[in-house]
N, C-alpha and C. Protein backbone atom coordinates (compact mmCIF):
# COMPACT_ATOMS: atom_id res chain seq x y z
N UNK A 1 138.82 163.80 135.07
CA UNK A 1 137.68 163.26 135.99
C UNK A 1 137.12 164.61 136.91
N UNK A 2 135.65 164.35 136.74
CA UNK A 2 135.28 165.37 137.74
C UNK A 2 134.99 164.85 139.10
N UNK A 3 135.35 165.40 140.02
CA UNK A 3 135.14 164.90 141.50
C UNK A 3 134.03 165.56 142.03
N UNK A 4 132.95 164.88 142.71
CA UNK A 4 131.69 165.38 143.16
C UNK A 4 132.24 165.93 144.63
N UNK A 5 132.42 167.34 144.43
CA UNK A 5 132.72 168.05 145.71
C UNK A 5 131.62 168.18 146.68
N UNK A 6 130.35 168.01 145.92
CA UNK A 6 129.24 168.40 146.87
C UNK A 6 129.32 167.43 148.11
N UNK A 7 129.93 166.07 148.13
CA UNK A 7 130.30 164.93 149.10
C UNK A 7 131.23 164.93 149.79
N UNK A 8 132.06 166.03 149.56
CA UNK A 8 133.25 166.39 150.54
C UNK A 8 133.00 167.36 151.40
N UNK A 9 133.01 166.91 152.75
CA UNK A 9 132.95 167.74 153.91
C UNK A 9 134.20 168.77 154.01
N UNK A 10 133.70 170.17 154.11
CA UNK A 10 134.50 171.12 154.32
C UNK A 10 134.87 171.35 155.72
N UNK A 11 136.32 171.65 155.84
CA UNK A 11 136.58 171.77 157.32
C UNK A 11 135.82 172.81 158.16
N UNK A 12 135.29 173.53 157.56
CA UNK A 12 134.38 174.89 158.13
C UNK A 12 133.00 174.22 158.53
N UNK A 13 132.55 173.09 157.84
CA UNK A 13 131.41 172.12 158.40
C UNK A 13 131.73 171.30 159.36
N UNK A 14 133.00 170.92 159.86
CA UNK A 14 133.35 169.91 160.73
C UNK A 14 132.80 170.41 162.23
N UNK A 15 133.13 171.52 162.73
CA UNK A 15 132.35 171.88 163.91
C UNK A 15 130.94 171.64 164.13
N UNK A 16 130.06 172.30 162.99
CA UNK A 16 128.68 171.96 163.05
C UNK A 16 128.25 170.48 163.22
N UNK A 17 129.22 169.74 162.36
CA UNK A 17 128.73 168.34 162.31
C UNK A 17 129.20 167.39 163.62
N UNK A 18 130.06 168.02 164.31
CA UNK A 18 130.59 167.43 165.55
C UNK A 18 129.50 167.93 166.52
N UNK A 19 129.05 169.21 166.61
CA UNK A 19 128.07 169.83 167.51
C UNK A 19 126.84 169.07 167.37
N UNK A 20 126.14 168.83 166.27
CA UNK A 20 125.27 167.94 166.00
C UNK A 20 125.17 166.63 166.36
N UNK A 21 126.49 166.09 166.32
CA UNK A 21 126.37 164.64 166.51
C UNK A 21 126.46 164.69 168.30
N UNK A 22 127.14 165.65 168.95
CA UNK A 22 127.06 165.81 170.32
C UNK A 22 125.61 165.64 170.78
N UNK A 23 124.98 166.60 170.19
CA UNK A 23 123.63 166.77 170.51
C UNK A 23 122.82 165.65 170.52
N UNK A 24 122.92 164.90 169.54
CA UNK A 24 122.41 163.49 169.46
C UNK A 24 122.52 162.56 170.76
N UNK A 25 123.99 162.50 170.98
CA UNK A 25 124.44 161.58 172.03
C UNK A 25 123.88 162.23 173.32
N UNK A 26 123.76 163.41 173.45
CA UNK A 26 123.30 164.03 174.81
C UNK A 26 121.86 163.91 174.88
N UNK A 27 120.99 163.99 173.83
CA UNK A 27 119.69 163.76 173.77
C UNK A 27 119.37 162.27 174.06
N UNK A 28 120.12 161.20 173.53
CA UNK A 28 120.13 160.03 174.10
C UNK A 28 120.31 159.93 175.26
N UNK A 29 121.11 160.44 176.05
CA UNK A 29 121.53 160.29 177.36
C UNK A 29 120.35 160.62 178.24
N UNK A 30 119.75 162.10 177.44
CA UNK A 30 118.63 162.42 178.47
C UNK A 30 117.43 161.53 178.42
N UNK A 31 117.48 160.71 177.29
CA UNK A 31 116.29 159.60 177.33
C UNK A 31 116.61 158.76 178.24
N UNK A 32 117.94 158.06 178.17
CA UNK A 32 118.06 157.00 179.10
C UNK A 32 117.64 157.21 180.48
N UNK A 33 118.14 158.58 180.85
CA UNK A 33 117.83 158.90 182.41
C UNK A 33 116.41 158.95 182.58
N UNK A 34 115.69 159.50 181.74
CA UNK A 34 114.28 159.50 181.93
C UNK A 34 113.44 158.20 181.75
N UNK A 35 114.04 157.13 181.16
CA UNK A 35 113.56 155.82 181.06
C UNK A 35 113.87 155.17 182.18
N UNK A 36 115.10 155.46 182.71
CA UNK A 36 115.65 155.08 184.23
C UNK A 36 114.56 155.41 185.19
N UNK A 37 114.18 156.66 185.11
CA UNK A 37 113.29 157.30 186.11
C UNK A 37 112.03 156.85 186.12
N UNK A 38 111.46 156.60 184.94
CA UNK A 38 110.07 156.01 184.80
C UNK A 38 110.22 154.63 185.42
N UNK A 39 111.37 153.74 185.05
CA UNK A 39 111.49 152.25 185.61
C UNK A 39 111.30 152.30 187.27
N UNK A 40 112.19 153.30 187.81
CA UNK A 40 112.10 153.51 189.27
C UNK A 40 110.90 153.97 189.83
N UNK A 41 110.33 155.03 189.29
CA UNK A 41 109.31 155.55 189.95
C UNK A 41 107.94 154.51 189.81
N UNK A 42 108.10 153.97 188.77
CA UNK A 42 107.01 152.92 188.65
C UNK A 42 107.11 151.88 189.70
N UNK A 43 108.39 151.30 190.00
CA UNK A 43 108.50 150.48 191.17
C UNK A 43 108.17 151.28 192.40
N UNK A 44 108.37 152.28 192.60
CA UNK A 44 108.22 153.19 193.75
C UNK A 44 106.35 153.13 193.83
N UNK A 45 105.88 153.40 192.95
CA UNK A 45 104.42 153.37 192.92
C UNK A 45 103.71 152.22 193.44
N UNK A 46 104.37 151.15 192.84
CA UNK A 46 103.88 149.85 193.04
C UNK A 46 104.00 149.33 194.44
N UNK A 47 105.23 149.57 194.79
CA UNK A 47 105.71 149.23 196.26
C UNK A 47 105.05 150.10 197.17
N UNK A 48 105.03 151.31 197.17
CA UNK A 48 104.60 152.17 198.00
C UNK A 48 103.23 152.07 198.40
N UNK A 49 102.30 151.88 197.11
CA UNK A 49 100.94 151.87 197.47
C UNK A 49 100.49 150.42 198.29
N UNK A 50 101.25 149.42 197.57
CA UNK A 50 101.07 147.93 198.14
C UNK A 50 101.32 148.00 199.42
N UNK A 51 102.49 148.57 199.94
CA UNK A 51 103.06 148.26 201.30
C UNK A 51 102.21 149.28 202.09
N UNK A 52 101.70 150.27 201.85
CA UNK A 52 100.64 151.25 202.49
C UNK A 52 99.51 150.77 202.78
N UNK A 53 98.59 149.95 201.76
CA UNK A 53 97.64 149.37 202.17
C UNK A 53 97.75 148.30 203.13
N UNK A 54 98.87 147.59 202.98
CA UNK A 54 99.12 146.30 203.76
C UNK A 54 99.19 146.90 205.43
N UNK A 55 100.18 147.87 205.25
CA UNK A 55 100.42 148.24 206.76
C UNK A 55 99.34 149.27 207.46
N UNK A 56 98.33 149.78 206.50
CA UNK A 56 97.51 150.91 206.93
C UNK A 56 98.18 152.28 206.99
N UNK A 57 99.20 152.49 206.39
CA UNK A 57 100.08 153.78 206.28
C UNK A 57 99.52 154.67 205.29
N UNK A 58 98.97 155.72 205.39
CA UNK A 58 98.56 156.81 204.61
C UNK A 58 99.80 157.32 203.81
N UNK A 59 100.80 157.55 204.84
CA UNK A 59 102.12 158.17 204.41
C UNK A 59 102.77 157.43 203.22
N UNK A 60 102.71 155.98 203.44
CA UNK A 60 103.22 155.15 202.16
C UNK A 60 102.38 155.21 201.13
N UNK A 61 100.89 155.12 201.35
CA UNK A 61 100.24 155.13 200.04
C UNK A 61 100.45 156.85 199.36
N UNK A 62 100.65 157.78 200.00
CA UNK A 62 100.67 159.04 199.72
C UNK A 62 102.17 159.14 198.93
N UNK A 63 103.25 158.59 199.39
CA UNK A 63 104.43 158.59 198.65
C UNK A 63 104.33 157.81 197.34
N UNK A 64 103.58 156.52 197.38
CA UNK A 64 103.48 155.92 196.23
C UNK A 64 102.61 156.69 195.14
N UNK A 65 101.85 157.31 195.50
CA UNK A 65 100.86 158.28 194.67
C UNK A 65 101.71 159.41 194.06
N UNK A 66 102.68 160.03 194.93
CA UNK A 66 103.67 161.13 194.56
C UNK A 66 104.28 160.42 193.35
N UNK A 67 104.64 158.96 193.38
CA UNK A 67 105.47 158.62 192.45
C UNK A 67 104.71 158.46 190.89
N UNK A 68 103.22 158.49 190.93
CA UNK A 68 102.65 158.63 189.85
C UNK A 68 102.89 159.91 189.05
N UNK A 69 103.17 161.14 189.90
CA UNK A 69 103.32 162.39 189.33
C UNK A 69 104.57 162.32 189.06
N UNK A 70 105.60 161.97 189.52
CA UNK A 70 107.04 161.64 188.95
C UNK A 70 106.99 160.95 187.44
N UNK A 71 106.03 159.74 187.42
CA UNK A 71 106.02 159.38 186.18
C UNK A 71 105.62 160.28 185.36
N UNK A 72 104.28 161.06 185.40
CA UNK A 72 103.98 162.05 184.49
C UNK A 72 104.77 162.99 184.10
N UNK A 73 105.66 163.58 185.17
CA UNK A 73 106.76 164.46 184.78
C UNK A 73 107.88 163.85 183.86
N UNK A 74 108.28 162.42 183.91
CA UNK A 74 109.25 161.96 183.09
C UNK A 74 108.58 161.70 181.90
N UNK A 75 107.33 161.29 181.63
CA UNK A 75 106.81 161.40 180.37
C UNK A 75 106.72 162.85 179.72
N UNK A 76 106.55 163.66 180.44
CA UNK A 76 106.46 165.22 179.63
C UNK A 76 108.11 165.29 179.19
N UNK A 77 108.98 165.07 179.80
CA UNK A 77 110.24 165.22 179.57
C UNK A 77 110.72 164.53 178.08
N UNK A 78 110.12 163.17 178.17
CA UNK A 78 110.41 162.22 176.99
C UNK A 78 109.78 162.76 175.81
N UNK A 79 108.47 163.47 175.97
CA UNK A 79 107.77 164.14 174.87
C UNK A 79 108.68 165.57 174.31
N UNK A 80 109.50 166.18 175.15
CA UNK A 80 110.29 167.11 174.80
C UNK A 80 111.45 166.46 173.95
N UNK A 81 112.08 165.58 174.72
CA UNK A 81 113.40 165.02 174.12
C UNK A 81 113.29 164.53 172.70
N UNK A 82 111.75 164.04 172.33
CA UNK A 82 111.67 163.54 170.93
C UNK A 82 111.61 164.53 169.83
N UNK A 83 111.72 166.02 170.20
CA UNK A 83 111.98 166.81 169.38
C UNK A 83 113.07 167.95 169.69
N UNK A 84 112.85 168.26 170.98
CA UNK A 84 113.82 169.28 171.63
C UNK A 84 113.75 170.69 171.21
N UNK A 85 112.36 171.17 170.54
CA UNK A 85 112.32 172.62 170.06
C UNK A 85 112.04 173.32 171.49
N UNK A 86 112.44 174.62 171.19
CA UNK A 86 112.36 175.64 172.30
C UNK A 86 110.94 175.77 173.04
N UNK A 87 109.75 175.52 171.74
CA UNK A 87 108.46 175.78 172.20
C UNK A 87 108.04 174.50 173.12
N UNK A 88 108.52 173.29 172.66
CA UNK A 88 108.31 172.19 173.45
C UNK A 88 108.94 172.29 174.82
N UNK A 89 110.07 172.99 174.85
CA UNK A 89 110.57 173.24 176.11
C UNK A 89 110.03 174.18 177.06
N UNK A 90 109.27 175.09 176.34
CA UNK A 90 108.50 176.23 177.37
C UNK A 90 107.54 175.66 177.82
N UNK A 91 106.52 174.70 176.89
CA UNK A 91 105.46 173.81 177.17
C UNK A 91 105.82 172.89 178.25
N UNK A 92 106.82 171.80 178.24
CA UNK A 92 107.03 170.88 179.03
C UNK A 92 107.42 171.56 180.42
N UNK A 93 108.22 172.89 180.41
CA UNK A 93 108.67 173.45 181.69
C UNK A 93 107.42 173.95 182.50
N UNK A 94 106.40 174.40 181.79
CA UNK A 94 104.97 174.67 182.54
C UNK A 94 104.25 173.48 182.92
N UNK A 95 104.37 172.27 182.23
CA UNK A 95 103.50 171.39 182.49
C UNK A 95 104.28 170.67 183.82
N UNK A 96 105.84 170.61 183.83
CA UNK A 96 106.36 170.17 185.18
C UNK A 96 105.83 170.94 186.19
N UNK A 97 105.68 172.28 186.00
CA UNK A 97 105.58 173.19 187.21
C UNK A 97 104.09 172.88 187.56
N UNK A 98 103.13 172.48 186.73
CA UNK A 98 101.85 172.02 187.08
C UNK A 98 101.86 170.67 187.96
N UNK A 99 102.85 169.84 187.59
CA UNK A 99 102.96 168.65 188.52
C UNK A 99 103.32 169.13 189.87
N UNK A 100 104.30 170.08 190.15
CA UNK A 100 104.54 170.53 191.26
C UNK A 100 103.36 171.06 192.06
N UNK A 101 102.15 171.53 191.53
CA UNK A 101 101.22 172.03 192.19
C UNK A 101 100.08 170.93 192.51
N UNK A 102 100.22 170.00 191.54
CA UNK A 102 99.27 168.50 191.87
C UNK A 102 99.92 168.06 193.15
N UNK A 103 101.25 167.87 193.11
CA UNK A 103 102.22 167.06 194.25
C UNK A 103 101.67 167.90 195.59
N UNK A 104 101.61 169.30 195.44
CA UNK A 104 101.41 170.10 196.81
C UNK A 104 99.96 169.84 197.11
N UNK A 105 98.92 169.60 196.31
CA UNK A 105 97.75 169.58 196.73
C UNK A 105 97.43 168.16 197.32
N UNK A 106 97.89 167.29 196.62
CA UNK A 106 97.88 165.72 197.47
C UNK A 106 98.43 165.82 198.55
N UNK A 107 99.68 166.23 198.71
CA UNK A 107 100.38 166.37 200.33
C UNK A 107 99.44 166.74 200.96
N UNK A 108 98.96 168.12 200.82
CA UNK A 108 98.39 168.68 201.88
C UNK A 108 96.86 168.04 202.19
N UNK A 109 96.15 167.48 201.33
CA UNK A 109 94.96 166.64 201.56
C UNK A 109 95.43 165.52 202.27
N UNK A 110 96.41 164.67 201.89
CA UNK A 110 96.80 163.42 202.73
C UNK A 110 97.27 163.66 204.10
N UNK A 111 98.16 164.68 204.14
CA UNK A 111 98.65 165.08 205.80
C UNK A 111 97.46 165.69 206.54
N UNK A 112 96.46 166.20 206.03
CA UNK A 112 95.61 166.72 206.84
C UNK A 112 94.42 165.70 207.19
N UNK A 113 94.53 164.67 206.24
CA UNK A 113 93.60 163.74 206.58
C UNK A 113 94.10 162.75 207.64
N UNK A 114 95.53 162.58 207.47
CA UNK A 114 96.01 161.71 208.41
C UNK A 114 96.19 162.40 210.06
N UNK A 115 96.29 163.76 210.01
CA UNK A 115 96.01 164.40 211.40
C UNK A 115 94.57 164.39 211.88
N UNK A 116 93.59 164.28 210.81
CA UNK A 116 92.25 164.28 211.33
C UNK A 116 91.72 163.18 211.89
N UNK A 117 92.44 162.08 211.13
CA UNK A 117 91.88 160.80 211.56
C UNK A 117 92.75 160.36 213.01
N UNK A 118 93.74 160.73 213.00
CA UNK A 118 94.71 160.24 214.31
C UNK A 118 94.91 159.00 214.54
N UNK A 119 94.96 157.99 213.37
CA UNK A 119 95.06 156.76 213.37
C UNK A 119 96.45 156.15 213.26
N UNK A 120 97.34 155.85 213.80
CA UNK A 120 98.84 155.31 213.57
C UNK A 120 98.92 154.14 212.90
N UNK A 121 99.77 154.12 211.61
CA UNK A 121 99.74 152.76 210.83
C UNK A 121 100.43 151.78 211.56
N UNK A 122 100.65 150.50 211.35
CA UNK A 122 101.20 149.50 211.83
C UNK A 122 102.69 149.80 211.62
N UNK A 123 103.71 149.22 212.51
CA UNK A 123 104.86 149.53 212.03
C UNK A 123 105.43 148.70 210.92
N UNK A 124 106.17 149.28 209.98
CA UNK A 124 106.37 148.28 208.87
C UNK A 124 107.98 148.27 208.45
N UNK A 125 108.56 147.41 208.91
CA UNK A 125 109.90 147.51 208.45
C UNK A 125 110.56 147.43 207.02
N UNK A 126 109.56 146.80 206.50
CA UNK A 126 109.67 146.74 204.96
C UNK A 126 109.46 148.17 204.28
N UNK A 127 108.71 148.82 204.77
CA UNK A 127 108.63 150.32 204.21
C UNK A 127 109.61 150.87 204.55
N UNK A 128 110.56 150.82 205.85
CA UNK A 128 111.54 151.68 206.18
C UNK A 128 112.73 151.20 205.44
N UNK A 129 113.03 149.91 205.06
CA UNK A 129 113.85 149.59 203.87
C UNK A 129 113.56 150.38 202.77
N UNK A 130 112.07 150.24 202.27
CA UNK A 130 112.10 150.82 200.87
C UNK A 130 112.27 152.41 200.71
N UNK A 131 111.85 153.08 201.99
CA UNK A 131 112.10 154.40 202.02
C UNK A 131 113.56 154.94 202.12
N UNK A 132 114.30 153.87 202.70
CA UNK A 132 115.92 154.20 202.77
C UNK A 132 116.53 153.95 201.47
N UNK A 133 115.97 153.12 200.81
CA UNK A 133 116.45 152.76 199.27
C UNK A 133 116.18 154.28 198.45
N UNK A 134 114.92 154.67 198.39
CA UNK A 134 114.42 155.87 197.80
C UNK A 134 115.54 157.12 198.16
N UNK A 135 115.66 157.08 199.50
CA UNK A 135 116.56 158.27 200.08
C UNK A 135 118.08 158.18 199.01
N UNK A 136 118.31 157.06 198.94
CA UNK A 136 119.54 156.82 198.19
C UNK A 136 119.46 157.05 196.77
N UNK A 137 118.31 156.48 196.17
CA UNK A 137 118.19 156.66 194.48
C UNK A 137 117.97 157.72 194.00
N UNK A 138 116.98 158.59 194.84
CA UNK A 138 116.29 159.76 194.17
C UNK A 138 117.26 160.88 193.82
N UNK A 139 118.39 161.07 194.79
CA UNK A 139 119.29 161.81 194.42
C UNK A 139 120.18 161.72 193.58
N UNK A 140 120.57 160.55 193.30
CA UNK A 140 121.44 159.97 192.17
C UNK A 140 120.73 160.28 190.83
N UNK A 141 119.55 160.05 190.99
CA UNK A 141 118.45 160.33 189.47
C UNK A 141 118.68 162.10 189.29
N UNK A 142 118.26 162.69 190.29
CA UNK A 142 118.47 164.17 190.22
C UNK A 142 119.66 164.72 189.76
N UNK A 143 120.82 164.22 190.10
CA UNK A 143 121.92 164.53 189.69
C UNK A 143 122.43 164.42 188.34
N UNK A 144 121.86 163.14 187.65
CA UNK A 144 122.02 162.59 186.36
C UNK A 144 121.12 163.94 185.47
N UNK A 145 119.94 163.76 185.90
CA UNK A 145 118.93 164.90 185.09
C UNK A 145 119.69 166.09 184.97
N UNK A 146 120.25 166.70 186.05
CA UNK A 146 120.74 168.11 186.00
C UNK A 146 121.86 168.14 185.17
N UNK A 147 122.76 167.02 185.27
CA UNK A 147 123.90 167.04 184.24
C UNK A 147 123.48 167.06 182.92
N UNK A 148 122.24 166.29 182.31
CA UNK A 148 121.98 166.11 180.93
C UNK A 148 121.30 167.69 180.55
N UNK A 149 120.57 168.01 181.59
CA UNK A 149 119.96 169.44 181.37
C UNK A 149 120.83 170.38 181.10
N UNK A 150 121.93 170.65 181.72
CA UNK A 150 123.13 171.44 181.50
C UNK A 150 123.49 171.44 180.01
N UNK A 151 123.77 169.95 179.55
CA UNK A 151 124.36 169.93 178.46
C UNK A 151 123.29 170.20 177.19
N UNK A 152 121.98 169.78 177.27
CA UNK A 152 120.89 170.24 176.52
C UNK A 152 120.39 171.40 176.53
N UNK A 153 120.76 172.41 177.60
CA UNK A 153 120.37 173.44 178.00
C UNK A 153 118.60 173.59 177.92
N UNK A 154 118.41 172.56 178.63
CA UNK A 154 116.88 172.42 178.90
C UNK A 154 116.42 172.94 180.33
N UNK A 155 115.73 173.71 180.16
CA UNK A 155 114.92 174.09 181.56
C UNK A 155 113.86 173.22 182.17
N UNK A 156 113.24 172.72 181.06
CA UNK A 156 112.14 171.78 181.73
C UNK A 156 113.06 170.60 182.37
N UNK A 157 114.32 169.72 181.92
CA UNK A 157 114.60 168.77 182.31
C UNK A 157 115.31 169.19 183.64
N UNK A 158 115.79 170.56 183.78
CA UNK A 158 116.30 170.78 184.89
C UNK A 158 115.36 170.98 186.02
N UNK A 159 114.02 171.70 185.56
CA UNK A 159 112.98 171.61 186.52
C UNK A 159 112.74 170.25 187.09
N UNK A 160 112.63 169.22 186.32
CA UNK A 160 112.28 167.68 186.40
C UNK A 160 113.08 167.12 187.57
N UNK A 161 114.44 167.61 187.31
CA UNK A 161 115.53 167.28 188.60
C UNK A 161 115.31 167.73 189.83
N UNK A 162 114.44 168.85 190.00
CA UNK A 162 114.06 169.39 191.21
C UNK A 162 112.80 168.50 191.83
N UNK A 163 112.04 168.24 190.61
CA UNK A 163 110.94 167.31 191.45
C UNK A 163 111.57 165.92 191.86
N UNK A 164 112.50 165.45 191.36
CA UNK A 164 113.30 164.52 191.97
C UNK A 164 113.89 164.72 193.22
N UNK A 165 114.32 165.77 193.21
CA UNK A 165 114.96 166.33 194.70
C UNK A 165 113.79 166.23 195.66
N UNK A 166 112.63 166.75 195.40
CA UNK A 166 111.39 166.74 196.24
C UNK A 166 111.13 165.52 196.61
N UNK A 167 111.17 164.53 195.68
CA UNK A 167 110.82 163.12 196.01
C UNK A 167 111.70 162.41 197.12
N UNK A 168 112.83 162.96 196.88
CA UNK A 168 114.12 162.64 197.78
C UNK A 168 113.76 163.01 199.10
N UNK A 169 113.22 164.55 199.40
CA UNK A 169 113.09 165.05 200.45
C UNK A 169 111.86 164.15 201.03
N UNK A 170 110.87 164.13 200.48
CA UNK A 170 109.66 163.25 200.80
C UNK A 170 110.01 161.97 201.37
N UNK A 171 111.08 161.32 200.63
CA UNK A 171 111.25 159.74 201.04
C UNK A 171 112.10 159.96 202.57
N UNK A 172 112.59 161.05 202.49
CA UNK A 172 113.46 160.89 204.06
C UNK A 172 112.52 161.43 205.19
N UNK A 173 111.38 162.04 204.70
CA UNK A 173 110.46 162.26 205.80
C UNK A 173 109.63 161.05 206.05
N UNK A 174 109.45 160.57 204.70
CA UNK A 174 108.82 159.09 205.19
C UNK A 174 109.46 158.26 205.91
N UNK A 175 110.71 158.15 205.72
CA UNK A 175 111.66 157.16 206.36
C UNK A 175 111.49 157.44 207.89
N UNK A 176 111.95 158.99 208.36
CA UNK A 176 111.59 159.46 209.54
C UNK A 176 110.50 159.05 210.20
N UNK A 177 109.34 159.50 209.56
CA UNK A 177 107.89 159.10 210.06
C UNK A 177 107.78 157.85 210.41
N UNK A 178 108.37 156.83 209.43
CA UNK A 178 108.06 155.40 209.66
C UNK A 178 108.92 154.91 210.94
N UNK A 179 110.00 155.57 211.01
CA UNK A 179 110.94 155.03 212.04
C UNK A 179 110.48 155.52 213.36
N UNK A 180 109.91 156.75 213.34
CA UNK A 180 109.49 157.22 214.69
C UNK A 180 108.25 156.69 215.20
N UNK A 181 107.61 156.11 214.28
CA UNK A 181 106.24 155.53 214.61
C UNK A 181 106.82 154.03 215.00
N UNK A 182 107.60 153.52 214.29
CA UNK A 182 107.93 152.23 214.85
C UNK A 182 108.46 152.16 216.04
N UNK A 183 109.31 153.11 216.24
CA UNK A 183 110.15 153.02 217.56
C UNK A 183 109.41 153.72 218.62
N UNK A 184 109.05 154.98 218.45
CA UNK A 184 108.55 155.93 219.48
C UNK A 184 106.88 155.93 219.60
N UNK A 185 106.29 155.44 218.65
CA UNK A 185 104.75 155.55 218.45
C UNK A 185 104.47 156.85 218.20
N UNK A 186 105.43 157.63 217.53
CA UNK A 186 104.51 159.26 217.13
C UNK A 186 103.97 159.15 215.78
N UNK A 187 102.73 158.78 215.96
CA UNK A 187 102.10 158.78 214.56
C UNK A 187 101.97 160.23 213.87
N UNK A 188 102.11 161.27 214.67
CA UNK A 188 101.83 162.46 213.95
C UNK A 188 102.93 163.18 213.25
N UNK A 189 104.42 162.40 213.35
CA UNK A 189 105.45 163.10 213.06
C UNK A 189 105.56 163.22 211.52
N UNK A 190 105.32 162.31 210.86
CA UNK A 190 105.36 162.49 209.43
C UNK A 190 104.47 163.39 208.30
N UNK A 191 103.03 163.52 209.09
CA UNK A 191 102.09 164.49 208.21
C UNK A 191 102.49 165.81 208.78
N UNK A 192 103.12 165.98 209.90
CA UNK A 192 103.53 167.61 210.31
C UNK A 192 104.69 167.98 209.47
N UNK A 193 105.78 166.91 209.26
CA UNK A 193 106.71 167.13 208.26
C UNK A 193 106.44 167.30 206.94
N UNK A 194 105.56 166.53 206.64
CA UNK A 194 105.01 166.65 205.23
C UNK A 194 104.58 168.14 204.78
N UNK A 195 103.88 168.75 205.80
CA UNK A 195 103.30 170.08 205.76
C UNK A 195 104.33 171.01 205.54
N UNK A 196 105.38 170.84 206.27
CA UNK A 196 106.63 171.78 206.29
C UNK A 196 107.11 171.99 204.95
N UNK A 197 106.94 170.71 204.12
CA UNK A 197 107.47 170.69 202.67
C UNK A 197 106.71 171.68 201.95
N UNK A 198 105.32 172.26 202.11
CA UNK A 198 104.60 172.54 201.12
C UNK A 198 105.04 174.14 200.64
N UNK A 199 105.85 174.73 201.44
CA UNK A 199 106.26 176.36 200.90
C UNK A 199 107.33 175.66 199.74
N UNK A 200 108.34 174.68 199.96
CA UNK A 200 109.27 174.44 199.15
C UNK A 200 108.56 174.09 197.55
N UNK A 201 107.51 173.18 197.55
CA UNK A 201 106.87 172.81 196.76
C UNK A 201 106.21 173.57 195.87
N UNK A 202 105.10 174.44 196.57
CA UNK A 202 104.65 175.67 195.89
C UNK A 202 105.53 176.44 195.06
N UNK A 203 106.73 176.88 195.77
CA UNK A 203 107.53 177.96 195.24
C UNK A 203 108.12 177.05 193.76
N UNK A 204 108.48 175.97 193.76
CA UNK A 204 108.94 175.26 192.60
C UNK A 204 107.89 175.39 191.52
N UNK A 205 106.55 175.10 192.09
CA UNK A 205 105.49 175.08 190.92
C UNK A 205 105.34 176.50 190.36
N UNK A 206 105.42 177.53 191.25
CA UNK A 206 105.41 178.76 190.72
C UNK A 206 106.45 179.18 189.70
N UNK A 207 107.89 178.65 190.01
CA UNK A 207 108.81 178.96 189.03
C UNK A 207 108.75 178.12 187.72
N UNK A 208 108.15 176.88 187.97
CA UNK A 208 108.21 176.26 186.83
C UNK A 208 106.90 176.86 185.54
N UNK A 209 105.79 177.44 186.32
CA UNK A 209 104.81 178.10 185.61
C UNK A 209 105.06 179.47 184.88
N UNK A 210 106.08 180.05 185.49
CA UNK A 210 106.67 181.14 185.05
C UNK A 210 107.82 181.02 183.98
N UNK A 211 108.37 179.88 184.04
CA UNK A 211 109.38 179.51 183.03
C UNK A 211 110.88 179.88 183.68
N UNK A 212 110.80 179.90 185.18
CA UNK A 212 112.10 180.37 185.80
C UNK A 212 112.89 179.27 185.99
N UNK A 213 114.28 179.35 186.12
CA UNK A 213 114.91 177.91 186.79
C UNK A 213 114.81 177.94 188.42
N UNK A 214 114.55 176.82 188.66
CA UNK A 214 114.29 176.65 190.11
C UNK A 214 115.72 176.52 190.79
N UNK A 215 115.31 176.98 192.05
CA UNK A 215 116.47 177.09 192.96
C UNK A 215 116.25 176.80 194.26
N UNK A 216 117.22 175.85 194.63
CA UNK A 216 117.04 175.23 195.94
C UNK A 216 118.34 174.46 196.45
N UNK A 217 118.56 174.15 197.59
CA UNK A 217 119.72 173.18 197.99
C UNK A 217 119.36 171.82 197.25
N UNK A 218 120.41 171.12 196.67
CA UNK A 218 120.35 170.12 196.05
C UNK A 218 120.97 169.05 196.76
N UNK A 219 120.55 167.83 196.78
CA UNK A 219 121.18 166.57 197.57
C UNK A 219 122.62 166.26 197.06
């Protein structure tokens, strides 16, 4: 009897098969994280813009618009995870860097408009609860993205985790701004704080476009 040896897996091939299987599982984990990020940031965008319009809060509307950039970033990473090639990784990394610059431009324009108009938004306790929830959730998403990025050796996913970090910083600024406006009537507090974030955001954008690994303190 002739045994079909070509269907027998050699012990030498087992490590490669295990590595390939682990890669598939890690890629699936990356997709799950990005789908979760998409779901949460979509909710952020809807609630942020809606609550901002109702309260007349430019900061809330801007934060909701920031979530749209987060959605674009997650879509870029899902595109990379569909294939996982190094070429796609480099392109995705630069696109994420571009998202950082888009975020910086929007914050600069929004904060400047807020300071120029000098109109304080109405106190919104719903907005405060919403911002507090973002402060809790965004660092968790950022850490999950970094964990999967390390497993997949994806600089683009690592850069995307920093964008989630920035969203967490902005949500903290939003929370402080809304709280100070509600308690002390300091309408100027969150646009000034938002402008202080611009050097960090611009630095991350430059790192992304250069294909470098972003580095700053994580939550």
